[in-house]
Amino acid sequence: MLKLRFYPNSRGVWVGELLDDETRLLATTHPATIAAAIFAMDQCKLCVETDMGKFEMTFPFEAGEGEPLGELMQDEQMMEWMGLFSTFSRFDFARPLPYDTKTDVHFRVAVHHLPAELVKVHPSGPEPKDFRLQLKMRNRFIYYPWC
C-alpha cells in the first residue's frame, strides 16, 4: 500500500513523501504532484502517516474522511497541505479541463519522476514544447528523486 508521510524542509514547509511500502517514490512540497503520482499509478487507497498517527484513506478523497484525517494534522500548514491534496485527489489528471493550465504539468512531472513500471495511466497527447522548462521550474519543489 502507498504511504504518505511528512517532514519539514529547511524553511519549515511540509514536504509530502510518497512511499510504496518503504520504497521512496516521490517527495515534494506541492500536493498536486503527489496526487498526480497516485493517479498515474491508478491507486485507490493510501495510508497517511504523521507523528499524530495514521489513517487509511480512499483516493480520491471522500468527504467522510475529513475528521479522521484532521486529527492527524500537526499544525495549520499541514492541514492546508492535506486540504489541497484532498481537492487535487478528485482531479482527472489525464483529461484536465480546457482552462486548467497546471494539472497537465503536475501529471507529467509526476510521471517523469516515477519508476516507469509503476505508471499505469499516462498523459494523453504529446509533451508540450515547453515541458522541459516547466519541469525545470517544478523540480525546485521536488525533494526526491534528486534533480
Protein backbone atom coordinates (compact mmCIF):
# COMPACT_ATOMS: atom_id res chain seq x y z
CA MET A 1 0.00 0.00 0.00
CA LEU A 2 1.11 3.54 -0.71
CA LYS A 3 2.05 5.73 2.24
CA LEU A 4 2.12 9.49 2.56
CA ARG A 5 4.42 10.84 5.26
CA PHE A 6 5.58 14.35 6.05
CA TYR A 7 8.76 16.06 7.10
CA PRO A 8 9.68 19.76 7.25
CA ASN A 9 12.22 21.25 4.85
CA SER A 10 14.87 23.74 5.99
CA ARG A 11 12.30 26.56 5.91
CA GLY A 12 9.74 24.62 7.93
CA VAL A 13 7.50 23.88 4.92
CA TRP A 14 5.95 20.42 4.92
CA VAL A 15 7.25 18.01 2.30
CA GLY A 16 4.91 15.18 1.35
CA GLU A 17 6.81 11.94 0.89
CA LEU A 18 5.12 9.18 -1.12
CA LEU A 19 6.29 5.63 -0.47
CA ASP A 20 5.40 2.22 -1.85
CA ASP A 21 5.80 0.08 1.27
CA GLU A 22 9.15 1.52 2.39
CA THR A 23 10.45 2.43 -1.08
CA ARG A 24 10.59 6.19 -1.52
CA LEU A 25 8.91 7.23 -4.78
CA LEU A 26 8.46 11.00 -4.68
CA ALA A 27 8.84 13.85 -2.20
CA THR A 28 7.59 17.36 -2.90
CA THR A 29 6.13 20.41 -1.24
CA HIS A 30 3.29 20.52 -3.78
CA PRO A 31 0.28 18.30 -3.01
CA ALA A 32 -0.92 18.31 -6.65
CA THR A 33 2.21 16.47 -7.78
CA ILE A 34 1.70 13.78 -5.12
CA ALA A 35 -1.98 13.46 -6.12
CA ALA A 36 -0.96 13.22 -9.79
CA ALA A 37 1.54 10.46 -8.95
CA ILE A 38 -1.12 8.39 -7.17
CA PHE A 39 -3.48 8.97 -10.10
CA ALA A 40 -0.75 7.84 -12.54
CA MET A 41 -0.25 4.64 -10.55
CA ASP A 42 -4.04 4.05 -10.61
CA GLN A 43 -4.17 3.51 -6.84
CA CYS A 44 -7.35 3.82 -4.82
CA LYS A 45 -6.05 3.71 -1.23
CA LEU A 46 -3.24 5.28 0.70
CA CYS A 47 -2.09 5.36 4.29
CA VAL A 48 -1.45 8.87 5.64
CA GLU A 49 1.08 8.86 8.49
CA THR A 50 2.08 11.73 10.76
CA ASP A 51 3.53 11.96 14.27
CA MET A 52 -0.11 12.01 15.46
CA GLY A 53 -0.98 8.59 13.99
CA LYS A 54 -2.09 7.05 10.72
CA PHE A 55 -5.24 6.69 8.67
CA GLU A 56 -6.05 4.66 5.56
CA MET A 57 -7.89 6.94 3.15
CA THR A 58 -9.50 6.37 -0.21
CA PHE A 59 -8.22 8.03 -3.36
CA PRO A 60 -9.95 10.15 -4.44
CA PHE A 61 -10.70 11.58 -1.02
CA GLU A 62 -14.21 11.08 0.37
CA ALA A 63 -15.76 13.83 2.48
CA GLY A 64 -16.44 11.50 5.42
CA GLU A 65 -12.69 11.03 5.88
CA GLY A 66 -12.10 14.68 6.79
CA GLU A 67 -12.40 14.33 10.55
CA PRO A 68 -10.05 11.34 10.98
CA LEU A 69 -7.51 13.00 8.68
CA GLY A 70 -7.86 16.30 10.52
CA GLU A 71 -6.94 14.59 13.78
CA LEU A 72 -3.59 13.57 12.26
CA MET A 73 -2.57 17.08 11.23
CA GLN A 74 0.24 18.53 13.32
CA ASP A 75 -0.37 22.20 12.53
CA GLU A 76 -2.32 24.60 10.34
CA GLN A 77 0.18 24.37 7.48
CA MET A 78 -0.07 20.57 7.34
CA MET A 79 -3.86 20.90 7.48
CA GLU A 80 -3.75 23.24 4.47
CA TRP A 81 -1.40 20.88 2.58
CA MET A 82 -3.76 17.95 3.22
CA GLY A 83 -6.81 20.02 2.28
CA LEU A 84 -5.25 20.87 -1.08
CA PHE A 85 -4.20 17.25 -1.56
CA SER A 86 -7.77 16.12 -0.89
CA THR A 87 -9.05 18.55 -3.52
CA PHE A 88 -6.40 17.51 -6.07
CA SER A 89 -7.21 13.84 -5.44
CA ARG A 90 -10.51 14.44 -7.26
CA PHE A 91 -8.86 15.79 -10.43
CA ASP A 92 -8.85 13.79 -13.63
CA PHE A 93 -5.20 14.41 -14.46
CA ALA A 94 -5.46 12.55 -17.78
CA ARG A 95 -8.22 14.88 -19.00
CA PRO A 96 -7.73 18.32 -17.46
CA LEU A 97 -10.34 20.99 -18.01
CA PRO A 98 -9.54 23.19 -21.03
CA TYR A 99 -8.86 26.31 -18.94
CA ASP A 100 -6.67 24.46 -16.41
CA THR A 101 -3.04 25.15 -17.30
CA LYS A 102 -1.38 23.45 -14.31
CA THR A 103 -2.93 19.98 -14.00
CA ASP A 104 -1.15 18.55 -17.04
CA VAL A 105 2.20 19.88 -15.81
CA HIS A 106 1.84 18.24 -12.38
CA PHE A 107 0.78 14.98 -14.05
CA ARG A 108 3.71 14.97 -16.48
CA VAL A 109 6.19 15.87 -13.71
CA ALA A 110 4.87 13.03 -11.54
CA VAL A 111 5.04 10.51 -14.41
CA HIS A 112 8.55 11.75 -15.28
CA HIS A 113 9.81 11.04 -11.74
CA LEU A 114 8.01 7.77 -11.02
CA PRO A 115 9.56 4.41 -11.92
CA ALA A 116 8.13 3.54 -15.35
CA GLU A 117 6.86 0.14 -14.22
CA LEU A 118 4.55 1.77 -11.65
CA VAL A 119 2.86 4.14 -14.10
CA LYS A 120 -0.48 2.74 -15.27
CA VAL A 121 -2.09 5.94 -16.58
CA HIS A 122 -0.07 8.12 -18.95
CA PRO A 123 -0.62 11.68 -20.15
CA SER A 124 -2.59 11.86 -23.36
CA GLY A 125 -1.11 13.68 -26.29
CA PRO A 126 2.45 14.71 -26.97
CA GLU A 127 4.65 16.51 -24.48
CA PRO A 128 4.20 20.30 -24.75
CA LYS A 129 7.10 22.12 -26.38
CA ASP A 130 7.91 23.97 -23.18
CA PHE A 131 7.69 20.92 -20.89
CA ARG A 132 11.44 20.76 -20.22
CA LEU A 133 11.35 24.35 -18.98
CA GLN A 134 8.25 23.65 -16.89
CA LEU A 135 9.91 20.52 -15.50
CA LYS A 136 12.97 22.53 -14.52
CA MET A 137 10.74 25.04 -12.73
CA ARG A 138 8.71 22.32 -10.93
CA ASN A 139 11.88 20.45 -9.93
CA ARG A 140 12.65 23.28 -7.50
CA PHE A 141 9.86 21.80 -5.35
CA ILE A 142 10.88 18.15 -5.78
CA TYR A 143 12.97 16.73 -2.93
CA TYR A 144 13.12 13.17 -4.25
CA PRO A 145 14.23 11.94 -6.64
CA TRP A 146 17.06 14.44 -6.54
CA CYS A 147 17.06 16.53 -9.68
